[in-house]
């Protein structure tokens, strides 16, 4: 049986993939660099939201199974990822 948290994480990723494919089709439909950049900028806003949503669900799912110290290490890892992306 699939865990509810894993199912929710997978559903968010499927939604994200669907948005990416739809955006690519819109880029091809409009066939201009200007429109493609606008569509791409919208995707850059959605990407971090998807990332944080799935990470939050994952950490929530692990919160009852891991020690507090382990959760702190995981959160520090997420902070490092975000820092690396922003830099």
Protein backbone atom coordinates (compact mmCIF):
# COMPACT_ATOMS: atom_id res chain seq x y z
CA UNK A 1 0.00 0.00 0.00
CA UNK A 2 1.32 3.44 -0.93
CA UNK A 3 1.79 5.90 1.92
CA UNK A 4 -0.35 9.02 1.74
CA UNK A 5 2.64 11.34 1.99
CA UNK A 6 4.44 9.57 -0.87
CA UNK A 7 1.28 9.70 -2.96
CA UNK A 8 0.93 13.44 -2.31
CA UNK A 9 4.60 14.04 -3.19
CA UNK A 10 4.24 12.06 -6.41
CA UNK A 11 1.03 13.92 -7.30
CA UNK A 12 2.79 17.27 -6.87
CA UNK A 13 5.65 16.09 -9.10
CA UNK A 14 3.22 14.82 -11.75
CA UNK A 15 1.49 18.21 -11.67
CA UNK A 16 4.87 19.90 -12.01
CA UNK A 17 5.82 17.73 -14.99
CA UNK A 18 2.47 18.42 -16.63
CA UNK A 19 3.02 22.15 -16.20
CA UNK A 20 6.50 21.86 -17.74
CA UNK A 21 5.22 19.97 -20.78
CA UNK A 22 2.30 22.38 -21.19
CA UNK A 23 4.70 25.33 -21.00
CA UNK A 24 6.90 23.78 -23.69
CA UNK A 25 3.87 23.30 -25.94
CA UNK A 26 2.86 26.94 -25.41
CA UNK A 27 6.39 28.01 -26.32
CA UNK A 28 6.13 26.07 -29.56
CA UNK A 29 2.65 27.42 -30.22
CA UNK A 30 3.60 31.10 -29.81
CA UNK A 31 6.94 30.59 -31.60
CA UNK A 32 8.53 33.84 -30.39
CA UNK A 33 11.50 34.29 -28.10
CA UNK A 34 9.69 36.98 -26.13
CA UNK A 35 6.73 34.72 -25.30
CA UNK A 36 9.04 31.81 -24.54
CA UNK A 37 10.93 33.95 -22.02
CA UNK A 38 7.68 35.01 -20.34
CA UNK A 39 6.54 31.40 -20.09
CA UNK A 40 9.96 30.34 -18.79
CA UNK A 41 9.89 33.06 -16.14
CA UNK A 42 6.53 31.79 -14.93
CA UNK A 43 8.03 28.32 -14.59
CA UNK A 44 10.90 29.73 -12.55
CA UNK A 45 8.37 30.96 -10.02
CA UNK A 46 6.57 27.63 -9.84
CA UNK A 47 9.73 25.49 -9.50
CA UNK A 48 10.70 26.54 -5.96
CA UNK A 49 7.09 26.23 -4.82
CA UNK A 50 7.03 22.63 -6.03
CA UNK A 51 10.41 21.94 -4.40
CA UNK A 52 9.40 23.33 -1.02
CA UNK A 53 6.02 21.59 -1.13
CA UNK A 54 7.50 18.16 -1.73
CA UNK A 55 10.28 18.69 0.83
CA UNK A 56 7.77 19.86 3.44
CA UNK A 57 5.61 16.81 2.86
CA UNK A 58 8.65 14.53 3.02
CA UNK A 59 9.91 16.04 6.25
CA UNK A 60 6.40 15.85 7.70
CA UNK A 61 6.24 12.17 6.77
CA UNK A 62 9.60 11.50 8.42
CA UNK A 63 8.95 13.60 11.51
CA UNK A 64 7.48 10.71 13.50
CA UNK A 65 10.20 8.25 12.44
CA UNK A 66 13.36 10.32 12.97
CA UNK A 67 14.99 11.98 15.93
CA UNK A 68 14.95 15.73 16.31
CA UNK A 69 18.68 15.88 15.52
CA UNK A 70 18.17 14.02 12.25
CA UNK A 71 15.39 16.42 11.25
CA UNK A 72 17.70 19.37 11.94
CA UNK A 73 20.34 17.85 9.62
CA UNK A 74 17.74 17.34 6.89
CA UNK A 75 16.53 20.94 7.22
CA UNK A 76 20.13 22.18 7.09
CA UNK A 77 20.58 20.18 3.89
CA UNK A 78 17.55 21.87 2.37
CA UNK A 79 18.92 25.26 3.40
CA UNK A 80 22.24 24.40 1.71
CA UNK A 81 20.42 23.42 -1.48
CA UNK A 82 18.50 26.69 -1.50
CA UNK A 83 21.67 28.66 -0.77
CA UNK A 84 23.46 26.90 -3.63
CA UNK A 85 20.61 27.67 -6.02
CA UNK A 86 20.49 31.35 -5.08
CA UNK A 87 24.23 31.81 -5.39
